[in-house]
């Protein structure tokens, strides 16, 4: 999960990779529009941390989708101004 949540203006998303994998981490609004691409690359195994700075983005609920060849995870986060 991201921390802090709710957040303003930035939040950190942490995840653990069991092996070297291609990782896609994207943020979407509730209408399914892509708001940001945070990661789109091959990464080594281990704990990772990515910060999303949402300055200039409207308050609301956003979803982040973490996708690899092994798993897909989607979670919500709340941006409060």
Protein backbone atom coordinates (compact mmCIF):
# COMPACT_ATOMS: atom_id res chain seq x y z
CA UNK A 1 0.00 0.00 0.00
CA UNK A 2 1.08 3.58 -0.44
CA UNK A 3 2.08 5.77 2.50
CA UNK A 4 0.76 8.21 3.56
CA UNK A 5 -2.81 7.60 2.49
CA UNK A 6 -4.61 10.04 2.28
CA UNK A 7 -1.78 12.22 0.99
CA UNK A 8 -0.93 15.74 -0.15
CA UNK A 9 1.02 16.35 -2.36
CA UNK A 10 3.18 13.20 -2.51
CA UNK A 11 2.94 9.54 -1.56
CA UNK A 12 5.32 6.58 -1.64
CA UNK A 13 4.45 3.20 -3.14
CA UNK A 14 6.52 0.25 -1.94
CA UNK A 15 6.68 -3.25 -3.37
CA UNK A 16 8.85 -6.36 -3.27
CA UNK A 17 9.95 -8.27 -6.36
CA UNK A 18 10.72 -12.00 -5.89
CA UNK A 19 12.90 -12.05 -9.04
CA UNK A 20 14.19 -9.75 -11.76
CA UNK A 21 11.07 -8.75 -13.74
CA UNK A 22 9.70 -6.11 -16.07
CA UNK A 23 7.58 -3.78 -13.92
CA UNK A 24 4.81 -1.42 -14.97
CA UNK A 25 3.44 0.93 -12.31
CA UNK A 26 0.76 3.35 -13.49
CA UNK A 27 -1.73 5.68 -11.82
CA UNK A 28 -5.32 5.99 -13.08
CA UNK A 29 -8.29 8.16 -12.19
CA UNK A 30 -11.69 6.59 -11.47
CA UNK A 31 -12.72 6.95 -15.12
CA UNK A 32 -9.81 4.70 -16.12
CA UNK A 33 -7.69 7.45 -17.63
CA UNK A 34 -3.96 7.08 -17.14
CA UNK A 35 -2.66 9.95 -14.99
CA UNK A 36 1.00 8.94 -14.59
CA UNK A 37 3.51 6.23 -15.46
CA UNK A 38 5.84 5.83 -12.50
CA UNK A 39 7.78 2.74 -13.62
CA UNK A 40 8.08 0.94 -16.95
CA UNK A 41 11.36 -0.98 -16.89
CA UNK A 42 13.17 -4.15 -15.93
CA UNK A 43 14.04 -4.23 -12.24
CA UNK A 44 16.14 -6.55 -10.09
CA UNK A 45 14.64 -8.58 -7.24
CA UNK A 46 14.17 -6.87 -3.89
CA UNK A 47 12.28 -4.09 -2.16
CA UNK A 48 11.45 -1.04 -4.27
CA UNK A 49 10.09 2.39 -3.42
CA UNK A 50 8.59 4.91 -5.85
CA UNK A 51 7.31 8.39 -5.01
CA UNK A 52 4.40 10.00 -6.84
CA UNK A 53 4.30 13.79 -6.62
CA UNK A 54 0.69 14.71 -7.45
CA UNK A 55 1.13 18.50 -7.62
CA UNK A 56 -1.17 19.87 -10.27
CA UNK A 57 -3.53 16.87 -10.00
CA UNK A 58 -7.09 17.33 -8.71
CA UNK A 59 -8.19 15.94 -5.34
CA UNK A 60 -9.87 12.56 -5.49
CA UNK A 61 -9.49 8.81 -5.49
CA UNK A 62 -6.81 7.32 -7.71
CA UNK A 63 -5.84 3.74 -8.47
CA UNK A 64 -2.35 2.46 -8.97
CA UNK A 65 -1.72 -0.72 -10.93
CA UNK A 66 1.46 -2.70 -10.40
CA UNK A 67 1.94 -5.25 -13.18
CA UNK A 68 4.63 -7.86 -13.87
CA UNK A 69 4.63 -11.15 -15.75
CA UNK A 70 3.96 -12.89 -12.39
CA UNK A 71 1.21 -10.75 -10.86
CA UNK A 72 -1.08 -7.75 -11.14
CA UNK A 73 -2.13 -5.64 -8.16
CA UNK A 74 -4.45 -2.64 -8.08
CA UNK A 75 -4.99 -0.47 -5.01
CA UNK A 76 -6.68 2.83 -4.24
CA UNK A 77 -5.30 6.02 -2.75
CA UNK A 78 -6.81 9.34 -1.77
CA UNK A 79 -5.37 12.72 -2.73
CA UNK A 80 -6.67 15.53 -0.48
CA UNK A 81 -5.98 19.19 -1.06
